[in-house]
């Protein structure tokens, strides 16, 4: 077995896929794998991709989580070289900076559909 993709639900699969294509430099739609309700994107090295599925009943999660609201089921961790520059670029592409930031070396953002994702820099071991 090999993990092919993580799938994110959204009110509009194409719109969310377009955001991640702008964010993840060099990624592309897998030929024959897109449509109005489904899009699959791959990194340039052909590794594990991301898929997006239109879900009309989608409700965005709340960050940080609260027991009475939609919980985050997963989030993406994206390594960057320059945290401040890439945070600004993500916001310019349509992300929102989350109010709650639990760590100095990580930035929690929300994509256009409200999914939390983290940008971080590799810390020396």
N, C-alpha and C. Protein backbone atom coordinates (compact mmCIF):
# COMPACT_ATOMS: atom_id res chain seq x y z
N UNK A 1 0.84 -1.19 0.00
CA UNK A 1 0.00 0.00 0.00
C UNK A 1 0.88 1.24 0.00
N UNK A 2 0.34 2.30 -0.60
CA UNK A 2 1.05 3.59 -0.64
C UNK A 2 0.01 4.69 -0.54
N UNK A 3 0.22 5.62 0.36
CA UNK A 3 -0.69 6.75 0.49
C UNK A 3 -0.59 7.61 -0.76
N UNK A 4 -1.71 7.81 -1.45
CA UNK A 4 -1.71 8.58 -2.69
C UNK A 4 -2.04 10.05 -2.45
N UNK A 5 -2.94 10.33 -1.48
CA UNK A 5 -3.37 11.71 -1.27
C UNK A 5 -4.11 11.83 0.05
N UNK A 6 -4.17 13.03 0.53
CA UNK A 6 -5.10 13.42 1.59
C UNK A 6 -6.17 14.24 0.88
N UNK A 7 -7.43 14.04 1.25
CA UNK A 7 -8.54 14.73 0.58
C UNK A 7 -9.19 15.73 1.52
N UNK A 8 -9.34 16.94 1.03
CA UNK A 8 -10.00 18.00 1.80
C UNK A 8 -11.37 18.28 1.18
N UNK A 9 -12.41 18.26 2.01
CA UNK A 9 -13.73 18.67 1.56
C UNK A 9 -13.80 20.19 1.54
N UNK A 10 -14.64 20.72 0.68
CA UNK A 10 -14.80 22.16 0.57
C UNK A 10 -16.12 22.47 -0.11
N UNK A 11 -16.62 23.69 0.04
CA UNK A 11 -17.83 24.06 -0.69
C UNK A 11 -17.61 24.06 -2.20
N UNK A 12 -16.35 24.29 -2.65
CA UNK A 12 -16.01 24.33 -4.06
C UNK A 12 -14.60 23.73 -4.23
N UNK A 13 -14.54 22.49 -4.72
CA UNK A 13 -13.26 21.79 -4.86
C UNK A 13 -12.29 22.55 -5.75
N UNK A 14 -12.77 23.06 -6.87
CA UNK A 14 -11.91 23.77 -7.82
C UNK A 14 -11.29 25.01 -7.18
N UNK A 15 -12.09 25.78 -6.47
CA UNK A 15 -11.58 27.00 -5.83
C UNK A 15 -10.49 26.69 -4.81
N UNK A 16 -10.71 25.66 -3.99
CA UNK A 16 -9.70 25.32 -2.98
C UNK A 16 -8.45 24.74 -3.63
N UNK A 17 -8.61 23.91 -4.65
CA UNK A 17 -7.45 23.37 -5.37
C UNK A 17 -6.63 24.50 -5.99
N UNK A 18 -7.30 25.49 -6.55
CA UNK A 18 -6.59 26.63 -7.15
C UNK A 18 -5.76 27.37 -6.10
N UNK A 19 -6.28 27.53 -4.88
CA UNK A 19 -5.52 28.16 -3.80
C UNK A 19 -4.24 27.37 -3.53
N UNK A 20 -4.36 26.05 -3.36
CA UNK A 20 -3.19 25.25 -3.05
C UNK A 20 -2.22 25.17 -4.23
N UNK A 21 -2.70 25.24 -5.45
CA UNK A 21 -1.79 25.29 -6.60
C UNK A 21 -0.96 26.58 -6.58
N UNK A 22 -1.55 27.68 -6.16
CA UNK A 22 -0.80 28.94 -6.04
C UNK A 22 0.18 28.87 -4.87
N UNK A 23 -0.22 28.22 -3.79
CA UNK A 23 0.60 28.16 -2.58
C UNK A 23 1.78 27.21 -2.74
N UNK A 24 1.54 26.05 -3.30
CA UNK A 24 2.56 25.01 -3.40
C UNK A 24 3.23 25.08 -4.77
N UNK A 25 4.28 25.83 -4.85
CA UNK A 25 4.98 26.11 -6.10
C UNK A 25 5.36 24.81 -6.83
N UNK A 26 5.02 24.76 -8.10
CA UNK A 26 5.39 23.63 -8.94
C UNK A 26 4.38 22.50 -8.97
N UNK A 27 3.39 22.52 -8.09
CA UNK A 27 2.37 21.47 -8.10
C UNK A 27 1.46 21.66 -9.31
N UNK A 28 0.86 20.54 -9.75
CA UNK A 28 -0.01 20.60 -10.93
C UNK A 28 -1.18 19.63 -10.76
N UNK A 29 -2.24 19.90 -11.49
CA UNK A 29 -3.40 19.01 -11.51
C UNK A 29 -2.99 17.72 -12.23
N UNK A 30 -3.33 16.59 -11.64
CA UNK A 30 -3.04 15.30 -12.29
C UNK A 30 -3.97 15.16 -13.50
N UNK A 31 -3.41 14.93 -14.69
CA UNK A 31 -4.24 14.83 -15.90
C UNK A 31 -5.35 13.79 -15.74
N UNK A 32 -6.54 14.18 -16.18
CA UNK A 32 -7.69 13.29 -16.12
C UNK A 32 -8.30 13.13 -14.75
N UNK A 33 -7.80 13.88 -13.77
CA UNK A 33 -8.27 13.72 -12.40
C UNK A 33 -9.01 14.93 -11.87
N UNK A 34 -9.49 15.79 -12.75
CA UNK A 34 -10.19 16.95 -12.24
C UNK A 34 -11.58 17.03 -12.87
N UNK A 35 -12.44 17.74 -12.22
CA UNK A 35 -13.81 17.94 -12.67
C UNK A 35 -14.43 19.00 -11.78
N UNK A 36 -15.70 19.27 -11.93
CA UNK A 36 -16.30 20.33 -11.12
C UNK A 36 -16.34 20.01 -9.63
N UNK A 37 -16.38 18.72 -9.27
CA UNK A 37 -16.52 18.35 -7.86
C UNK A 37 -15.33 17.59 -7.31
N UNK A 38 -14.26 17.43 -8.10
CA UNK A 38 -13.11 16.65 -7.66
C UNK A 38 -11.87 17.15 -8.38
N UNK A 39 -10.79 17.40 -7.63
CA UNK A 39 -9.52 17.80 -8.22
C UNK A 39 -8.41 17.10 -7.43
N UNK A 40 -7.41 16.58 -8.14
CA UNK A 40 -6.26 15.95 -7.51
C UNK A 40 -5.01 16.67 -7.99
N UNK A 41 -4.17 17.15 -7.05
CA UNK A 41 -2.93 17.83 -7.43
C UNK A 41 -1.74 17.04 -6.91
N UNK A 42 -0.63 17.15 -7.64
CA UNK A 42 0.59 16.41 -7.31
C UNK A 42 1.78 17.34 -7.20
N UNK A 43 2.73 16.99 -6.33
CA UNK A 43 3.98 17.75 -6.27
C UNK A 43 4.86 17.43 -7.47
N UNK A 44 5.85 18.28 -7.76
CA UNK A 44 6.69 18.06 -8.94
C UNK A 44 7.44 16.72 -8.91
N UNK A 45 7.74 16.21 -7.71
CA UNK A 45 8.48 14.95 -7.61
C UNK A 45 7.57 13.73 -7.73
N UNK A 46 6.25 13.95 -7.88
CA UNK A 46 5.32 12.85 -8.05
C UNK A 46 4.95 12.13 -6.78
N UNK A 47 5.28 12.67 -5.62
CA UNK A 47 4.96 12.03 -4.35
C UNK A 47 3.49 12.12 -4.00
N UNK A 48 3.18 11.98 -2.73
CA UNK A 48 1.81 12.03 -2.24
C UNK A 48 1.18 13.38 -2.56
N UNK A 49 -0.03 13.36 -3.08
CA UNK A 49 -0.70 14.57 -3.49
C UNK A 49 -1.80 15.00 -2.53
N UNK A 50 -2.56 15.97 -2.98
CA UNK A 50 -3.74 16.46 -2.28
C UNK A 50 -4.93 16.36 -3.22
N UNK A 51 -6.06 15.97 -2.67
CA UNK A 51 -7.29 15.93 -3.44
C UNK A 51 -8.30 16.85 -2.77
N UNK A 52 -9.23 17.33 -3.58
CA UNK A 52 -10.26 18.25 -3.11
C UNK A 52 -11.61 17.77 -3.64
N UNK A 53 -12.58 17.72 -2.76
CA UNK A 53 -13.91 17.21 -3.10
C UNK A 53 -14.96 18.22 -2.68
N UNK A 54 -15.84 18.55 -3.60
CA UNK A 54 -16.94 19.45 -3.26
C UNK A 54 -17.91 18.72 -2.33
N UNK A 55 -18.20 19.37 -1.22
CA UNK A 55 -19.15 18.83 -0.24
C UNK A 55 -20.14 19.94 0.10
N UNK A 56 -21.37 19.86 -0.43
CA UNK A 56 -22.35 20.93 -0.18
C UNK A 56 -22.66 21.17 1.30
N UNK A 57 -22.54 20.14 2.14
CA UNK A 57 -22.84 20.29 3.57
C UNK A 57 -21.59 20.63 4.39
N UNK A 58 -20.49 20.99 3.74
CA UNK A 58 -19.24 21.29 4.43
C UNK A 58 -19.42 22.42 5.45
N UNK A 59 -18.85 22.21 6.64
CA UNK A 59 -18.78 23.24 7.67
C UNK A 59 -17.33 23.36 8.10
N UNK A 60 -16.76 24.56 8.07
CA UNK A 60 -15.35 24.70 8.42
C UNK A 60 -15.11 24.40 9.90
N UNK A 61 -13.95 23.84 10.21
CA UNK A 61 -13.62 23.59 11.61
C UNK A 61 -13.28 24.90 12.33
N UNK A 62 -13.27 24.82 13.63
CA UNK A 62 -12.92 25.96 14.47
C UNK A 62 -11.52 25.74 15.02
N UNK A 63 -10.69 26.78 14.94
CA UNK A 63 -9.34 26.74 15.51
C UNK A 63 -9.17 27.89 16.47
N UNK A 64 -8.72 27.65 17.70
CA UNK A 64 -8.53 26.33 18.30
C UNK A 64 -9.88 25.64 18.53
N UNK A 65 -9.82 24.34 18.70
CA UNK A 65 -11.05 23.56 18.81
C UNK A 65 -11.85 23.92 20.06
N UNK A 66 -13.15 23.73 19.93
CA UNK A 66 -14.08 23.92 21.04
C UNK A 66 -15.04 22.74 21.03
N UNK A 67 -15.44 22.24 22.19
CA UNK A 67 -16.28 21.04 22.23
C UNK A 67 -17.64 21.21 21.56
N UNK A 68 -18.14 22.41 21.43
CA UNK A 68 -19.48 22.61 20.88
C UNK A 68 -19.47 22.99 19.39
N UNK A 69 -18.32 22.91 18.73
CA UNK A 69 -18.20 23.32 17.33
C UNK A 69 -17.54 22.23 16.49
N UNK A 70 -17.60 22.40 15.17
CA UNK A 70 -16.96 21.44 14.26
C UNK A 70 -15.48 21.32 14.57
N UNK A 71 -15.01 20.10 14.81
CA UNK A 71 -13.62 19.86 15.15
C UNK A 71 -12.75 19.73 13.90
N UNK A 72 -11.50 20.13 14.03
CA UNK A 72 -10.53 19.92 12.97
C UNK A 72 -10.22 18.43 12.92
N UNK A 73 -10.32 17.81 11.76
CA UNK A 73 -10.04 16.38 11.63
C UNK A 73 -8.57 16.13 11.29
N UNK A 74 -7.98 17.08 10.59
CA UNK A 74 -6.57 16.98 10.20
C UNK A 74 -6.10 18.38 9.81
N UNK A 75 -4.80 18.53 9.68
CA UNK A 75 -4.26 19.77 9.13
C UNK A 75 -2.99 19.46 8.35
N UNK A 76 -2.60 20.36 7.49
CA UNK A 76 -1.39 20.20 6.69
C UNK A 76 -0.25 20.96 7.34
N UNK A 77 0.93 20.36 7.39
CA UNK A 77 2.16 21.02 7.83
C UNK A 77 3.01 21.25 6.59
N UNK A 78 3.36 22.50 6.34
CA UNK A 78 4.11 22.85 5.14
C UNK A 78 5.42 23.52 5.57
N UNK A 79 6.54 22.87 5.24
CA UNK A 79 7.85 23.41 5.59
C UNK A 79 8.22 24.52 4.62
N UNK A 80 8.75 25.62 5.16
CA UNK A 80 9.17 26.76 4.35
C UNK A 80 10.57 27.19 4.78
N UNK A 81 11.25 27.95 3.92
CA UNK A 81 12.58 28.46 4.26
C UNK A 81 12.51 29.77 5.02
N UNK A 82 11.52 30.61 4.71
CA UNK A 82 11.39 31.92 5.33
C UNK A 82 9.96 32.07 5.83
N UNK A 83 9.77 31.93 7.13
CA UNK A 83 8.44 31.89 7.71
C UNK A 83 7.65 33.18 7.49
N UNK A 84 8.26 34.31 7.70
CA UNK A 84 7.54 35.58 7.54
C UNK A 84 7.17 35.84 6.08
N UNK A 85 8.11 35.60 5.18
CA UNK A 85 7.84 35.83 3.75
C UNK A 85 6.72 34.91 3.24
N UNK A 86 6.79 33.63 3.60
CA UNK A 86 5.79 32.68 3.11
C UNK A 86 4.43 32.87 3.78
N UNK A 87 4.43 33.34 5.02
CA UNK A 87 3.16 33.68 5.67
C UNK A 87 2.50 34.82 4.92
N UNK A 88 3.27 35.85 4.60
CA UNK A 88 2.73 36.99 3.84
C UNK A 88 2.23 36.54 2.47
N UNK A 89 2.96 35.65 1.81
CA UNK A 89 2.54 35.15 0.49
C UNK A 89 1.25 34.34 0.60
N UNK A 90 1.14 33.50 1.64
CA UNK A 90 -0.08 32.71 1.82
C UNK A 90 -1.28 33.61 2.04
N UNK A 91 -1.11 34.66 2.82
CA UNK A 91 -2.20 35.62 3.06
C UNK A 91 -2.56 36.33 1.76
N UNK A 92 -1.56 36.72 0.98
CA UNK A 92 -1.82 37.37 -0.30
C UNK A 92 -2.58 36.45 -1.26
N UNK A 93 -2.39 35.15 -1.14
CA UNK A 93 -3.07 34.18 -2.00
C UNK A 93 -4.48 33.83 -1.52
N UNK A 94 -4.84 34.29 -0.31
CA UNK A 94 -6.20 34.04 0.16
C UNK A 94 -6.33 33.38 1.51
N UNK A 95 -5.22 33.04 2.15
CA UNK A 95 -5.28 32.46 3.50
C UNK A 95 -5.53 33.56 4.53
N UNK A 96 -5.98 33.15 5.71
CA UNK A 96 -6.13 34.08 6.83
C UNK A 96 -5.24 33.60 7.97
N UNK A 97 -4.56 34.53 8.62
CA UNK A 97 -3.76 34.19 9.79
C UNK A 97 -4.70 33.91 10.95
N UNK A 98 -4.54 32.76 11.59
CA UNK A 98 -5.39 32.42 12.73
C UNK A 98 -5.05 33.33 13.91
N UNK A 99 -6.06 33.66 14.69
CA UNK A 99 -5.83 34.52 15.86
C UNK A 99 -4.94 33.82 16.88
N UNK A 100 -5.18 32.53 17.11
CA UNK A 100 -4.41 31.77 18.10
C UNK A 100 -3.18 31.17 17.44
N UNK A 101 -2.01 31.54 17.94
CA UNK A 101 -0.73 31.03 17.44
C UNK A 101 0.00 30.36 18.61
N UNK A 102 0.02 29.02 18.65
CA UNK A 102 0.56 28.32 19.82
C UNK A 102 2.09 28.27 19.91
N UNK A 103 2.82 28.56 18.81
CA UNK A 103 4.27 28.46 18.81
C UNK A 103 4.88 29.62 18.03
N UNK A 104 6.06 30.05 18.46
CA UNK A 104 6.74 31.15 17.78
C UNK A 104 7.27 30.75 16.41
N UNK A 105 7.71 29.50 16.24
CA UNK A 105 8.34 29.06 15.00
C UNK A 105 7.36 28.44 14.01
N UNK A 106 6.07 28.55 14.30
CA UNK A 106 5.02 28.00 13.44
C UNK A 106 3.96 29.08 13.24
N UNK A 107 3.39 29.15 12.04
CA UNK A 107 2.26 30.04 11.79
C UNK A 107 1.07 29.19 11.40
N UNK A 108 -0.02 29.34 12.14
CA UNK A 108 -1.26 28.66 11.81
C UNK A 108 -2.08 29.61 10.95
N UNK A 109 -2.49 29.11 9.79
CA UNK A 109 -3.32 29.88 8.87
C UNK A 109 -4.56 29.07 8.55
N UNK A 110 -5.55 29.73 7.98
CA UNK A 110 -6.78 29.08 7.53
C UNK A 110 -6.88 29.28 6.03
N UNK A 111 -7.10 28.18 5.30
CA UNK A 111 -7.25 28.31 3.85
C UNK A 111 -8.61 28.92 3.53
N UNK A 112 -8.91 29.20 2.27
CA UNK A 112 -10.18 29.86 1.93
C UNK A 112 -11.44 29.10 2.38
N UNK A 113 -11.33 27.78 2.58
CA UNK A 113 -12.48 26.99 3.05
C UNK A 113 -12.48 26.86 4.57
N UNK A 114 -11.45 27.41 5.24
CA UNK A 114 -11.40 27.38 6.70
C UNK A 114 -10.58 26.26 7.30
N UNK A 115 -9.92 25.43 6.47
CA UNK A 115 -9.06 24.37 7.00
C UNK A 115 -7.80 24.99 7.59
N UNK A 116 -7.45 24.66 8.84
CA UNK A 116 -6.17 25.13 9.37
C UNK A 116 -5.01 24.43 8.67
N UNK A 117 -3.93 25.16 8.45
CA UNK A 117 -2.68 24.57 8.00
C UNK A 117 -1.55 25.34 8.64
N UNK A 118 -0.40 24.69 8.79
CA UNK A 118 0.74 25.29 9.47
C UNK A 118 1.90 25.47 8.52
N UNK A 119 2.54 26.63 8.60
CA UNK A 119 3.81 26.86 7.96
C UNK A 119 4.86 26.81 9.05
N UNK A 120 5.99 26.19 8.78
CA UNK A 120 7.04 26.10 9.79
C UNK A 120 8.40 26.04 9.09
N UNK A 121 9.43 26.38 9.85
CA UNK A 121 10.80 26.24 9.35
C UNK A 121 11.45 25.07 10.09
N UNK A 122 12.35 24.39 9.40
CA UNK A 122 13.07 23.27 10.01
C UNK A 122 14.03 23.83 11.04
N UNK A 123 13.97 23.31 12.24
CA UNK A 123 14.90 23.75 13.27
C UNK A 123 16.08 22.79 13.31
N UNK A 124 17.30 23.31 13.47
CA UNK A 124 18.48 22.44 13.52
C UNK A 124 18.38 21.48 14.70
N UNK A 125 18.82 20.25 14.49
CA UNK A 125 18.77 19.22 15.55
C UNK A 125 19.97 19.33 16.45
